[in-house]
Every structure is written in C-alpha cells, then in structure tokens.
Amino acid sequence: MVIVAIILWVAFAYIVSTTFAGCENTIIQTVESLNKKHKAVLFERSCGATTGFSSQVSILRIDEDLGNNGGNIYRAKGYPNNIALKWTSKNMLFVGGASFDAFKKRYQYNEIDIVYE
C-alpha cells in the first residue's frame, strides 16, 4: 500500500512539474505607474505546443519580478500585437486593444482600477 502511494505521488509530481515548468513568458511592454509604486507588464505566454500563445497582463509592485507566473489581471488567446498599456493616474491603468473574449479580465486589482478598450 505504501509503495503504491509513493508511485502515485511520484507520478503526480512529475505531471505537475512538466505541465507548469514548460511555460515561458516574453515581456512585450513594461509601464511604471505615475507614483512609481507599481508597474504593468504586458507579456506573451507560451506553455507548449498544445496550448498556443496567450496575451497576458500583470500589475506588480515596482520591485517585483514577473517570474514565470501567469497574468494577474488579463489573459486572452493569441499574440499581444494590438495591446498597449498606459497609466492614466496613479491608481488607474488603461489597457487598449484588449480582446472582448478574454478568459480573465479584472477591473480592479488591489486599489488600482483597470479600464479596457
């Protein structure tokens, strides 16, 4: 019974590590907020041949790195060719060219409002 549990645990760990470790982020644009406390990062994310590319946006603290994480405010299929970021105030981010069929679209992140067009 213990051996079966160990084998299942190793198989699960292998599946998780190969599924998520294969993702790669390519930063397209980084824009600092007007008060220099945050930054918005537009990036292209690829998690292998079976998933294709996606356009994603994260809001991070100014000293924080994107790492290999997915977008925390916006995610949509396809390349980020027409997306542009602009801070319109210290607490408002404008995301231009965003897809209407995005599979993640937050309108507020912490105390920051997000406007899409």
PDB file of N, CA and C in Angstrom:
ATOM      1  N   MET A   1       0.817  -1.198   0.000  1.00  0.00           N
ATOM      2  CA  MET A   1       0.000   0.000   0.000  1.00  0.00           C
ATOM      3  C   MET A   1       0.867   1.271   0.000  1.00  0.00           C
ATOM      4  N   VAL A   2       1.918   1.267   0.800  1.00  0.00           N
ATOM      5  CA  VAL A   2       2.811   2.415   0.876  1.00  0.00           C
ATOM      6  C   VAL A   2       3.543   2.605  -0.463  1.00  0.00           C
ATOM      7  N   ILE A   3       3.946   1.510  -1.070  1.00  0.00           N
ATOM      8  CA  ILE A   3       4.659   1.584  -2.350  1.00  0.00           C
ATOM      9  C   ILE A   3       3.745   2.163  -3.428  1.00  0.00           C
ATOM     10  N   VAL A   4       2.499   1.769  -3.443  1.00  0.00           N
ATOM     11  CA  VAL A   4       1.541   2.303  -4.417  1.00  0.00           C
ATOM     12  C   VAL A   4       1.365   3.805  -4.202  1.00  0.00           C
ATOM     13  N   ALA A   5       1.257   4.221  -2.951  1.00  0.00           N
ATOM     14  CA  ALA A   5       1.107   5.646  -2.640  1.00  0.00           C
ATOM     15  C   ALA A   5       2.338   6.436  -3.099  1.00  0.00           C
ATOM     16  N   ILE A   6       3.509   5.890  -2.908  1.00  0.00           N
ATOM     17  CA  ILE A   6       4.746   6.554  -3.335  1.00  0.00           C
ATOM     18  C   ILE A   6       4.788   6.668  -4.855  1.00  0.00           C
ATOM     19  N   ILE A   7       4.433   5.603  -5.541  1.00  0.00           N
ATOM     20  CA  ILE A   7       4.422   5.624  -7.007  1.00  0.00           C
ATOM     21  C   ILE A   7       3.426   6.657  -7.517  1.00  0.00           C
ATOM     22  N   LEU A   8       2.240   6.701  -6.924  1.00  0.00           N
ATOM     23  CA  LEU A   8       1.237   7.696  -7.326  1.00  0.00           C
ATOM     24  C   LEU A   8       1.729   9.114  -7.052  1.00  0.00           C
ATOM     25  N   TRP A   9       2.381   9.323  -5.917  1.00  0.00           N
ATOM     26  CA  TRP A   9       2.892  10.652  -5.582  1.00  0.00           C
ATOM     27  C   TRP A   9       3.976  11.083  -6.572  1.00  0.00           C
ATOM     28  N   VAL A  10       4.888  10.184  -6.927  1.00  0.00           N
ATOM     29  CA  VAL A  10       5.951  10.495  -7.893  1.00  0.00           C
ATOM     30  C   VAL A  10       5.341  10.809  -9.259  1.00  0.00           C
ATOM     31  N   ALA A  11       4.349  10.035  -9.676  1.00  0.00           N
ATOM     32  CA  ALA A  11       3.688  10.287 -10.965  1.00  0.00           C
ATOM     33  C   ALA A  11       2.998  11.643 -10.956  1.00  0.00           C
ATOM     34  N   PHE A  12       2.307  11.969  -9.879  1.00  0.00           N
ATOM     35  CA  PHE A  12       1.628  13.259  -9.756  1.00  0.00           C
ATOM     36  C   PHE A  12       2.643  14.403  -9.801  1.00  0.00           C
ATOM     37  N   ALA A  13       3.725  14.290  -9.062  1.00  0.00           N
ATOM     38  CA  ALA A  13       4.765  15.334  -9.045  1.00  0.00           C
ATOM     39  C   ALA A  13       5.378  15.514 -10.427  1.00  0.00           C
ATOM     40  N   TYR A  14       5.578  14.434 -11.147  1.00  0.00           N
ATOM     41  CA  TYR A  14       6.134  14.518 -12.491  1.00  0.00           C
ATOM     42  C   TYR A  14       5.169  15.244 -13.440  1.00  0.00           C
ATOM     43  N   ILE A  15       3.911  14.892 -13.381  1.00  0.00           N
ATOM     44  CA  ILE A  15       2.909  15.532 -14.249  1.00  0.00           C
ATOM     45  C   ILE A  15       2.816  17.021 -13.952  1.00  0.00           C
ATOM     46  N   VAL A  16       2.761  17.386 -12.692  1.00  0.00           N
ATOM     47  CA  VAL A  16       2.672  18.802 -12.319  1.00  0.00           C
ATOM     48  C   VAL A  16       3.920  19.550 -12.751  1.00  0.00           C
ATOM     49  N   SER A  17       5.087  18.988 -12.521  1.00  0.00           N
ATOM     50  CA  SER A  17       6.332  19.696 -12.852  1.00  0.00           C
ATOM     51  C   SER A  17       6.498  19.860 -14.358  1.00  0.00           C
ATOM     52  N   THR A  18       6.115  18.874 -15.144  1.00  0.00           N
ATOM     53  CA  THR A  18       6.263  19.001 -16.594  1.00  0.00           C
ATOM     54  C   THR A  18       5.171  19.869 -17.193  1.00  0.00           C
ATOM     55  N   THR A  19       4.020  19.921 -16.571  1.00  0.00           N
ATOM     56  CA  THR A  19       2.928  20.743 -17.089  1.00  0.00           C
ATOM     57  C   THR A  19       3.220  22.221 -16.876  1.00  0.00           C
ATOM     58  N   PHE A  20       3.638  22.609 -15.696  1.00  0.00           N
ATOM     59  CA  PHE A  20       3.798  24.022 -15.383  1.00  0.00           C
ATOM     60  C   PHE A  20       5.207  24.554 -15.629  1.00  0.00           C
ATOM     61  N   ALA A  21       6.196  23.701 -15.612  1.00  0.00           N
ATOM     62  CA  ALA A  21       7.563  24.166 -15.825  1.00  0.00           C
ATOM     63  C   ALA A  21       7.807  24.545 -17.277  1.00  0.00           C
ATOM     64  N   GLY A  22       6.972  24.065 -18.181  1.00  0.00           N
ATOM     65  CA  GLY A  22       7.167  24.325 -19.590  1.00  0.00           C
ATOM     66  C   GLY A  22       6.687  25.683 -20.060  1.00  0.00           C
ATOM     67  N   CYS A  23       6.121  26.484 -19.204  1.00  0.00           N
ATOM     68  CA  CYS A  23       5.619  27.805 -19.605  1.00  0.00           C
ATOM     69  C   CYS A  23       6.765  28.808 -19.679  1.00  0.00           C
ATOM     70  N   GLU A  24       6.627  29.712 -20.644  1.00  0.00           N
ATOM     71  CA  GLU A  24       7.645  30.742 -20.824  1.00  0.00           C
ATOM     72  C   GLU A  24       6.975  32.081 -21.078  1.00  0.00           C
ATOM     73  N   ASN A  25       7.439  33.104 -20.389  1.00  0.00           N
ATOM     74  CA  ASN A  25       6.930  34.465 -20.569  1.00  0.00           C
ATOM     75  C   ASN A  25       7.931  35.300 -21.359  1.00  0.00           C
ATOM     76  N   THR A  26       7.422  36.052 -22.333  1.00  0.00           N
ATOM     77  CA  THR A  26       8.236  37.004 -23.078  1.00  0.00           C
ATOM     78  C   THR A  26       7.631  38.383 -22.884  1.00  0.00           C
ATOM     79  N   ILE A  27       8.345  39.257 -22.179  1.00  0.00           N
ATOM     80  CA  ILE A  27       7.829  40.591 -21.875  1.00  0.00           C
ATOM     81  C   ILE A  27       7.814  41.445 -23.134  1.00  0.00           C
ATOM     82  N   ILE A  28       6.680  42.092 -23.375  1.00  0.00           N
ATOM     83  CA  ILE A  28       6.481  42.959 -24.535  1.00  0.00           C
ATOM     84  C   ILE A  28       6.591  44.431 -24.135  1.00  0.00           C
ATOM     85  N   GLN A  29       5.986  44.779 -22.991  1.00  0.00           N
ATOM     86  CA  GLN A  29       5.964  46.180 -22.553  1.00  0.00           C
ATOM     87  C   GLN A  29       5.873  46.230 -21.033  1.00  0.00           C
ATOM     88  N   THR A  30       6.611  47.151 -20.436  1.00  0.00           N
ATOM     89  CA  THR A  30       6.525  47.418 -19.004  1.00  0.00           C
ATOM     90  C   THR A  30       6.334  48.917 -18.819  1.00  0.00           C
ATOM     91  N   VAL A  31       5.305  49.289 -18.043  1.00  0.00           N
ATOM     92  CA  VAL A  31       4.993  50.702 -17.838  1.00  0.00           C
ATOM     93  C   VAL A  31       4.858  50.956 -16.343  1.00  0.00           C
ATOM     94  N   GLU A  32       5.648  51.893 -15.823  1.00  0.00           N
ATOM     95  CA  GLU A  32       5.590  52.243 -14.402  1.00  0.00           C
ATOM     96  C   GLU A  32       4.409  53.155 -14.117  1.00  0.00           C
ATOM     97  N   SER A  33       3.809  52.979 -12.941  1.00  0.00           N
ATOM     98  CA  SER A  33       2.712  53.863 -12.530  1.00  0.00           C
ATOM     99  C   SER A  33       3.253  55.268 -12.283  1.00  0.00           C
ATOM    100  N   LEU A  34       2.361  56.235 -12.267  1.00  0.00           N
ATOM    101  CA  LEU A  34       2.774  57.626 -12.113  1.00  0.00           C
ATOM    102  C   LEU A  34       3.443  57.897 -10.769  1.00  0.00           C
ATOM    103  N   ASN A  35       3.051  57.140  -9.733  1.00  0.00           N
ATOM    104  CA  ASN A  35       3.680  57.330  -8.422  1.00  0.00           C
ATOM    105  C   ASN A  35       4.849  56.373  -8.186  1.00  0.00           C
ATOM    106  N   LYS A  36       5.220  55.606  -9.203  1.00  0.00           N
ATOM    107  CA  LYS A  36       6.380  54.694  -9.176  1.00  0.00           C
ATOM    108  C   LYS A  36       6.256  53.581  -8.126  1.00  0.00           C
ATOM    109  N   LYS A  37       5.029  53.253  -7.705  1.00  0.00           N
ATOM    110  CA  LYS A  37       4.826  52.169  -6.740  1.00  0.00           C
ATOM    111  C   LYS A  37       4.522  50.837  -7.417  1.00  0.00           C
ATOM    112  N   HIS A  38       3.964  50.892  -8.620  1.00  0.00           N
ATOM    113  CA  HIS A  38       3.584  49.691  -9.357  1.00  0.00           C
ATOM    114  C   HIS A  38       4.087  49.757 -10.791  1.00  0.00           C
ATOM    115  N   LYS A  39       3.978  48.633 -11.456  1.00  0.00           N
ATOM    116  CA  LYS A  39       4.237  48.589 -12.890  1.00  0.00           C
ATOM    117  C   LYS A  39       3.244  47.605 -13.506  1.00  0.00           C
ATOM    118  N   ALA A  40       2.902  47.880 -14.752  1.00  0.00           N
ATOM    119  CA  ALA A  40       2.061  46.971 -15.518  1.00  0.00           C
ATOM    120  C   ALA A  40       2.957  46.302 -16.548  1.00  0.00           C
ATOM    121  N   VAL A  41       2.802  44.995 -16.677  1.00  0.00           N
ATOM    122  CA  VAL A  41       3.645  44.225 -17.592  1.00  0.00           C
ATOM    123  C   VAL A  41       2.761  43.479 -18.580  1.00  0.00           C
ATOM    124  N   LEU A  42       2.950  43.773 -19.862  1.00  0.00           N
ATOM    125  CA  LEU A  42       2.293  43.047 -20.943  1.00  0.00           C
ATOM    126  C   LEU A  42       3.276  41.995 -21.432  1.00  0.00           C
ATOM    127  N   PHE A  43       2.803  40.751 -21.534  1.00  0.00           N
ATOM    128  CA  PHE A  43       3.701  39.694 -21.971  1.00  0.00           C
ATOM    129  C   PHE A  43       2.949  38.621 -22.747  1.00  0.00           C
ATOM    130  N   GLU A  44       3.733  37.902 -23.502  1.00  0.00           N
ATOM    131  CA  GLU A  44       3.237  36.762 -24.262  1.00  0.00           C
ATOM    132  C   GLU A  44       3.618  35.520 -23.472  1.00  0.00           C
ATOM    133  N   ARG A  45       2.676  34.616 -23.293  1.00  0.00           N
ATOM    134  CA  ARG A  45       2.937  33.401 -22.520  1.00  0.00           C
ATOM    135  C   ARG A  45       2.700  32.185 -23.407  1.00  0.00           C
ATOM    136  N   SER A  46       3.640  31.274 -23.368  1.00  0.00           N
ATOM    137  CA  SER A  46       3.532  30.027 -24.105  1.00  0.00           C
ATOM    138  C   SER A  46       3.794  28.880 -23.145  1.00  0.00           C
ATOM    139  N   CYS A  47       2.896  27.910 -23.157  1.00  0.00           N
ATOM    140  CA  CYS A  47       3.055  26.742 -22.275  1.00  0.00           C
ATOM    141  C   CYS A  47       3.178  25.453 -23.073  1.00  0.00           C
ATOM    142  N   GLY A  48       3.727  25.548 -24.257  1.00  0.00           N
ATOM    143  CA  GLY A  48       3.949  24.358 -25.063  1.00  0.00           C
ATOM    144  C   GLY A  48       3.082  24.322 -26.301  1.00  0.00           C
ATOM    145  N   ALA A  49       3.373  23.388 -27.153  1.00  0.00           N
ATOM    146  CA  ALA A  49       2.731  23.296 -28.462  1.00  0.00           C
ATOM    147  C   ALA A  49       1.228  23.046 -28.380  1.00  0.00           C
ATOM    148  N   THR A  50       0.769  22.393 -27.337  1.00  0.00           N
ATOM    149  CA  THR A  50      -0.652  22.057 -27.264  1.00  0.00           C
ATOM    150  C   THR A  50      -1.517  23.206 -26.755  1.00  0.00           C
ATOM    151  N   THR A  51      -0.922  24.228 -26.176  1.00  0.00           N
ATOM    152  CA  THR A  51      -1.720  25.325 -25.613  1.00  0.00           C
ATOM    153  C   THR A  51      -1.679  26.593 -26.441  1.00  0.00           C
ATOM    154  N   GLY A  52      -0.688  26.791 -27.260  1.00  0.00           N
ATOM    155  CA  GLY A  52      -0.579  28.008 -28.054  1.00  0.00           C
ATOM    156  C   GLY A  52      -0.124  29.187 -27.220  1.00  0.00           C
ATOM    157  N   PHE A  53      -0.150  30.360 -27.834  1.00  0.00           N
ATOM    158  CA  PHE A  53       0.292  31.587 -27.179  1.00  0.00           C
ATOM    159  C   PHE A  53      -0.900  32.316 -26.577  1.00  0.00           C
ATOM    160  N   SER A  54      -0.627  33.092 -25.538  1.00  0.00           N
ATOM    161  CA  SER A  54      -1.658  33.955 -24.968  1.00  0.00           C
ATOM    162  C   SER A  54      -1.051  35.304 -24.617  1.00  0.00           C
ATOM    163  N   SER A  55      -1.904  36.321 -24.641  1.00  0.00           N
ATOM    164  CA  SER A  55      -1.533  37.680 -24.236  1.00  0.00           C
ATOM    165  C   SER A  55      -1.947  37.836 -22.783  1.00  0.00           C
ATOM    166  N   GLN A  56      -1.046  38.342 -21.957  1.00  0.00           N
ATOM    167  CA  GLN A  56      -1.363  38.473 -20.536  1.00  0.00           C
ATOM    168  C   GLN A  56      -0.806  39.773 -19.984  1.00  0.00           C
ATOM    169  N   VAL A  57      -1.451  40.262 -18.923  1.00  0.00           N
ATOM    170  CA  VAL A  57      -1.022  41.486 -18.247  1.00  0.00           C
ATOM    171  C   VAL A  57      -1.031  41.234 -16.745  1.00  0.00           C
ATOM    172  N   SER A  58       0.020  41.699 -16.087  1.00  0.00           N
ATOM    173  CA  SER A  58       0.102  41.656 -14.623  1.00  0.00           C
ATOM    174  C   SER A  58       0.418  43.036 -14.091  1.00  0.00           C
ATOM    175  N   ILE A  59      -0.140  43.337 -12.942  1.00  0.00           N
ATOM    176  CA  ILE A  59       0.253  44.510 -12.171  1.00  0.00           C
ATOM    177  C   ILE A  59       1.113  44.003 -11.024  1.00  0.00           C
ATOM    178  N   LEU A  60       2.302  44.574 -10.911  1.00  0.00           N
ATOM    179  CA  LEU A  60       3.260  44.158  -9.894  1.00  0.00           C
ATOM    180  C   LEU A  60       3.750  45.370  -9.117  1.00  0.00           C
ATOM    181  N   ARG A  61       4.282  45.115  -7.909  1.00  0.00           N
ATOM    182  CA  ARG A  61       4.987  46.177  -7.207  1.00  0.00           C
ATOM    183  C   ARG A  61       6.210  46.539  -8.045  1.00  0.00           C
ATOM    184  N   ILE A  62       6.679  47.750  -7.936  1.00  0.00           N
ATOM    185  CA  ILE A  62       7.778  48.235  -8.772  1.00  0.00           C
ATOM    186  C   ILE A  62       9.038  47.379  -8.621  1.00  0.00           C
ATOM    187  N   ASP A  63       9.257  46.784  -7.450  1.00  0.00           N
ATOM    188  CA  ASP A  63      10.456  45.981  -7.201  1.00  0.00           C
ATOM    189  C   ASP A  63      10.237  44.483  -7.418  1.00  0.00           C
ATOM    190  N   GLU A  64       9.061  44.114  -7.888  1.00  0.00           N
ATOM    191  CA  GLU A  64       8.704  42.709  -8.060  1.00  0.00           C
ATOM    192  C   GLU A  64       8.985  42.248  -9.496  1.00  0.00           C
ATOM    193  N   ASP A  65       9.472  41.012  -9.634  1.00  0.00           N
ATOM    194  CA  ASP A  65       9.710  40.429 -10.948  1.00  0.00           C
ATOM    195  C   ASP A  65       8.505  39.606 -11.382  1.00  0.00           C
ATOM    196  N   LEU A  66       8.287  39.537 -12.680  1.00  0.00           N
ATOM    197  CA  LEU A  66       7.192  38.748 -13.230  1.00  0.00           C
ATOM    198  C   LEU A  66       7.397  37.266 -12.970  1.00  0.00           C
ATOM    199  N   GLY A  67       8.625  36.826 -13.092  1.00  0.00           N
ATOM    200  CA  GLY A  67       8.897  35.403 -12.904  1.00  0.00           C
ATOM    201  C   GLY A  67       8.223  34.581 -13.989  1.00  0.00           C
ATOM    202  N   ASN A  68       7.744  33.411 -13.624  1.00  0.00           N
ATOM    203  CA  ASN A  68       7.084  32.524 -14.583  1.00  0.00           C
ATOM    204  C   ASN A  68       5.588  32.420 -14.298  1.00  0.00           C
ATOM    205  N   ASN A  69       5.038  33.455 -13.682  1.00  0.00           N
ATOM    206  CA  ASN A  69       3.627  33.451 -13.329  1.00  0.00           C
ATOM    207  C   ASN A  69       2.763  33.899 -14.499  1.00  0.00           C
ATOM    208  N   GLY A  70       1.496  33.500 -14.455  1.00  0.00           N
ATOM    209  CA  GLY A  70       0.524  33.962 -15.432  1.00  0.00           C
ATOM    210  C   GLY A  70       0.035  35.354 -15.076  1.00  0.00           C
ATOM    211  N   GLY A  71      -0.662  35.989 -15.992  1.00  0.00           N
ATOM    212  CA  GLY A  71      -1.171  37.338 -15.791  1.00  0.00           C
ATOM    213  C   GLY A  71      -2.182  37.414 -14.657  1.00  0.00           C
ATOM    214  N   ASN A  72      -2.052  38.409 -13.794  1.00  0.00           N
ATOM    215  CA  ASN A  72      -2.960  38.512 -12.658  1.00  0.00           C
ATOM    216  C   ASN A  72      -4.170  39.411 -12.921  1.00  0.00           C
ATOM    217  N   ILE A  73      -4.197  40.132 -14.075  1.00  0.00           N
ATOM    218  CA  ILE A  73      -5.392  40.936 -14.367  1.00  0.00           C
ATOM    219  C   ILE A  73      -6.008  40.644 -15.731  1.00  0.00           C
ATOM    220  N   TYR A  74      -5.219  40.121 -16.670  1.00  0.00           N
ATOM    221  CA  TYR A  74      -5.747  39.925 -18.032  1.00  0.00           C
ATOM    222  C   TYR A  74      -5.078  38.736 -18.703  1.00  0.00           C
ATOM    223  N   ARG A  75      -5.927  37.903 -19.358  1.00  0.00           N
ATOM    224  CA  ARG A  75      -5.432  36.766 -20.134  1.00  0.00           C
ATOM    225  C   ARG A  75      -6.367  36.547 -21.322  1.00  0.00           C
ATOM    226  N   ALA A  76      -5.785  36.418 -22.507  1.00  0.00           N
ATOM    227  CA  ALA A  76      -6.572  36.155 -23.715  1.00  0.00           C
ATOM    228  C   ALA A  76      -5.745  35.328 -24.687  1.00  0.00           C
ATOM    229  N   LYS A  77      -6.421  34.563 -25.528  1.00  0.00           N
ATOM    230  CA  LYS A  77      -5.731  33.768 -26.549  1.00  0.00           C
ATOM    231  C   LYS A  77      -5.079  34.682 -27.577  1.00  0.00           C
ATOM    232  N   GLY A  78      -3.980  34.219 -28.137  1.00  0.00           N
ATOM    233  CA  GLY A  78      -3.340  34.922 -29.244  1.00  0.00           C
ATOM    234  C   GLY A  78      -2.206  35.834 -28.818  1.00  0.00           C
ATOM    235  N   TYR A  79      -1.618  36.440 -29.825  1.00  0.00           N
ATOM    236  CA  TYR A  79      -0.468  37.323 -29.636  1.00  0.00           C
ATOM    237  C   TYR A  79      -0.905  38.720 -29.177  1.00  0.00           C
ATOM    238  N   PRO A  80      -0.072  39.410 -28.388  1.00  0.00           N
ATOM    239  CA  PRO A  80      -0.422  40.747 -27.873  1.00  0.00           C
ATOM    240  C   PRO A  80      -0.073  41.882 -28.834  1.00  0.00           C
ATOM    241  N   ASN A  81      -0.280  41.688 -30.128  1.00  0.00           N
ATOM    242  CA  ASN A  81       0.128  42.671 -31.130  1.00  0.00           C
ATOM    243  C   ASN A  81      -0.520  44.041 -30.962  1.00  0.00           C
ATOM    244  N   ASN A  82      -1.777  44.106 -30.609  1.00  0.00           N
ATOM    245  CA  ASN A  82      -2.503  45.375 -30.582  1.00  0.00           C
ATOM    246  C   ASN A  82      -2.773  45.905 -29.180  1.00  0.00           C
ATOM    247  N   ILE A  83      -2.187  45.295 -28.176  1.00  0.00           N
ATOM    248  CA  ILE A  83      -2.439  45.710 -26.792  1.00  0.00           C
ATOM    249  C   ILE A  83      -1.406  46.745 -26.371  1.00  0.00           C
ATOM    250  N   ALA A  84      -1.883  47.789 -25.701  1.00  0.00           N
ATOM    251  CA  ALA A  84      -0.994  48.837 -25.184  1.00  0.00           C
ATOM    252  C   ALA A  84      -1.432  49.203 -23.772  1.00  0.00           C
ATOM    253  N   LEU A  85      -0.475  49.496 -22.923  1.00  0.00           N
ATOM    254  CA  LEU A  85      -0.737  49.864 -21.530  1.00  0.00           C
ATOM    255  C   LEU A  85      -0.400  51.323 -21.294  1.00  0.00           C
ATOM    256  N   LYS A  86      -1.234  51.966 -20.469  1.00  0.00           N
ATOM    257  CA  LYS A  86      -0.954  53.359 -20.113  1.00  0.00           C
ATOM    258  C   LYS A  86      -1.594  53.655 -18.757  1.00  0.00           C
ATOM    259  N   TRP A  87      -0.805  54.213 -17.864  1.00  0.00           N
ATOM    260  CA  TRP A  87      -1.334  54.666 -16.582  1.00  0.00           C
ATOM    261  C   TRP A  87      -1.951  56.041 -16.800  1.00  0.00           C
ATOM    262  N   THR A  88      -3.222  56.200 -16.468  1.00  0.00           N
ATOM    263  CA  THR A  88      -3.878  57.492 -16.632  1.00  0.00           C
ATOM    264  C   THR A  88      -3.932  58.268 -15.322  1.00  0.00           C
ATOM    265  N   SER A  89      -3.651  57.607 -14.224  1.00  0.00           N
ATOM    266  CA  SER A  89      -3.474  58.243 -12.918  1.00  0.00           C
ATOM    267  C   SER A  89      -2.690  57.252 -12.063  1.00  0.00           C
ATOM    268  N   LYS A  90      -2.382  57.613 -10.833  1.00  0.00           N
ATOM    269  CA  LYS A  90      -1.570  56.712 -10.011  1.00  0.00           C
ATOM    270  C   LYS A  90      -2.309  55.419  -9.660  1.00  0.00           C
ATOM    271  N   ASN A  91      -3.650  55.440  -9.758  1.00  0.00           N
ATOM    272  CA  ASN A  91      -4.442  54.258  -9.427  1.00  0.00           C
ATOM    273  C   ASN A  91      -5.345  53.808 -10.560  1.00  0.00           C
ATOM    274  N   MET A  92      -4.999  54.138 -11.813  1.00  0.00           N
ATOM    275  CA  MET A  92      -5.823  53.705 -12.936  1.00  0.00           C
ATOM    276  C   MET A  92      -4.938  53.309 -14.113  1.00  0.00           C
ATOM    277  N   LEU A  93      -5.162  52.082 -14.593  1.00  0.00           N
ATOM    278  CA  LEU A  93      -4.429  51.548 -15.734  1.00  0.00           C
ATOM    279  C   LEU A  93      -5.380  51.397 -16.908  1.00  0.00           C
ATOM    280  N   PHE A  94      -4.967  51.873 -18.064  1.00  0.00           N
ATOM    281  CA  PHE A  94      -5.725  51.735 -19.311  1.00  0.00           C
ATOM    282  C   PHE A  94      -5.084  50.611 -20.120  1.00  0.00           C
ATOM    283  N   VAL A  95      -5.910  49.659 -20.548  1.00  0.00           N
ATOM    284  CA  VAL A  95      -5.443  48.557 -21.388  1.00  0.00           C
ATOM    285  C   VAL A  95      -6.153  48.690 -22.724  1.00  0.00           C
ATOM    286  N   GLY A  96      -5.446  49.193 -23.721  1.00  0.00           N
ATOM    287  CA  GLY A  96      -6.024  49.395 -25.046  1.00  0.00           C
ATOM    288  C   GLY A  96      -5.821  48.181 -25.934  1.00  0.00           C
ATOM    289  N   GLY A  97      -6.801  47.923 -26.787  1.00  0.00           N
ATOM    290  CA  GLY A  97      -6.709  46.812 -27.725  1.00  0.00           C
ATOM    291  C   GLY A  97      -6.993  45.456 -27.111  1.00  0.00           C
ATOM    292  N   ALA A  98      -7.607  45.441 -25.947  1.00  0.00           N
ATOM    293  CA  ALA A  98      -7.897  44.183 -25.262  1.00  0.00           C
ATOM    294  C   ALA A  98      -8.998  43.413 -25.988  1.00  0.00           C
ATOM    295  N   SER A  99      -8.887  42.111 -25.980  1.00  0.00           N
ATOM    296  CA  SER A  99      -9.865  41.239 -26.623  1.00  0.00           C
ATOM    297  C   SER A  99     -11.137  41.153 -25.782  1.00  0.00           C
ATOM    298  N   PHE A 100     -12.278  41.151 -26.456  1.00  0.00           N
ATOM    299  CA  PHE A 100     -13.554  41.028 -25.749  1.00  0.00           C
ATOM    300  C   PHE A 100     -13.786  39.614 -25.232  1.00  0.00           C
ATOM    301  N   ASP A 101     -13.138  38.632 -25.835  1.00  0.00           N
ATOM    302  CA  ASP A 101     -13.329  37.246 -25.406  1.00  0.00           C
ATOM    303  C   ASP A 101     -12.189  36.745 -24.518  1.00  0.00           C
ATOM    304  N   ALA A 102     -11.612  37.630 -23.747  1.00  0.00           N
ATOM    305  CA  ALA A 102     -10.542  37.253 -22.817  1.00  0.00           C
ATOM    306  C   ALA A 102     -11.078  36.246 -21.803  1.00  0.00           C
ATOM    307  N   PHE A 103     -10.235  35.333 -21.369  1.00  0.00           N
ATOM    308  CA  PHE A 103     -10.687  34.364 -20.378  1.00  0.00           C
ATOM    309  C   PHE A 103     -10.370  34.801 -18.949  1.00  0.00           C
ATOM    310  N   LYS A 104      -9.705  35.943 -18.799  1.00  0.00           N
ATOM    311  CA  LYS A 104      -9.541  36.580 -17.482  1.00  0.00           C
ATOM    312  C   LYS A 104      -9.465  38.075 -17.728  1.00  0.00           C
ATOM    313  N   LYS A 105     -10.304  38.800 -17.017  1.00  0.00           N
ATOM    314  CA  LYS A 105     -10.334  40.255 -17.188  1.00  0.00           C
ATOM    315  C   LYS A 105     -10.810  40.872 -15.871  1.00  0.00           C
ATOM    316  N   ARG A 106      -9.853  41.364 -15.090  1.00  0.00           N
ATOM    317  CA  ARG A 106     -10.196  42.008 -13.816  1.00  0.00           C
ATOM    318  C   ARG A 106     -10.320  43.507 -14.029  1.00  0.00           C
ATOM    319  N   TYR A 107     -11.256  44.110 -13.329  1.00  0.00           N
ATOM    320  CA  TYR A 107     -11.487  45.544 -13.438  1.00  0.00           C
ATOM    321  C   TYR A 107     -10.930  46.298 -12.234  1.00  0.00           C
ATOM    322  N   GLN A 108     -10.449  45.560 -11.271  1.00  0.00           N
ATOM    323  CA  GLN A 108      -9.779  46.175 -10.124  1.00  0.00           C
ATOM    324  C   GLN A 108      -8.768  45.183  -9.578  1.00  0.00           C
ATOM    325  N   TYR A 109      -7.618  45.724  -9.194  1.00  0.00           N
ATOM    326  CA  TYR A 109      -6.570  44.919  -8.592  1.00  0.00           C
ATOM    327  C   TYR A 109      -6.025  45.715  -7.415  1.00  0.00           C
ATOM    328  N   ASN A 110      -6.219  45.189  -6.220  1.00  0.00           N
ATOM    329  CA  ASN A 110      -5.924  45.932  -5.002  1.00  0.00           C
ATOM    330  C   ASN A 110      -6.649  47.280  -5.078  1.00  0.00           C
ATOM    331  N   GLU A 111      -5.972  48.383  -5.063  1.00  0.00           N
ATOM    332  CA  GLU A 111      -6.636  49.683  -5.139  1.00  0.00           C
ATOM    333  C   GLU A 111      -6.510  50.319  -6.517  1.00  0.00           C
ATOM    334  N   ILE A 112      -6.182  49.517  -7.507  1.00  0.00           N
ATOM    335  CA  ILE A 112      -5.980  50.038  -8.869  1.00  0.00           C
ATOM    336  C   ILE A 112      -7.164  49.656  -9.742  1.00  0.00           C
ATOM    337  N   ASP A 113      -7.752  50.656 -10.406  1.00  0.00           N
ATOM    338  CA  ASP A 113      -8.835  50.418 -11.356  1.00  0.00           C
ATOM    339  C   ASP A 113      -8.237  50.146 -12.725  1.00  0.00           C
ATOM    340  N   ILE A 114      -8.875  49.216 -13.454  1.00  0.00           N
ATOM    341  CA  ILE A 114      -8.402  48.865 -14.789  1.00  0.00           C
ATOM    342  C   ILE A 114      -9.522  49.143 -15.783  1.00  0.00           C
ATOM    343  N   VAL A 115      -9.193  49.873 -16.837  1.00  0.00           N
ATOM    344  CA  VAL A 115     -10.152  50.232 -17.880  1.00  0.00           C
ATOM    345  C   VAL A 115      -9.693  49.572 -19.178  1.00  0.00           C
ATOM    346  N   TYR A 116     -10.615  48.898 -19.839  1.00  0.00           N
ATOM    347  CA  TYR A 116     -10.299  48.218 -21.093  1.00  0.00           C
ATOM    348  C   TYR A 116     -10.988  48.906 -22.260  1.00  0.00           C
ATOM    349  N   GLU A 117     -10.323  48.889 -23.404  1.00  0.00           N
ATOM    350  CA  GLU A 117     -10.933  49.408 -24.631  1.00  0.00           C
ATOM    351  C   GLU A 117     -10.518  48.559 -25.803  1.00  0.00           C
TER     352      GLU A 117
END
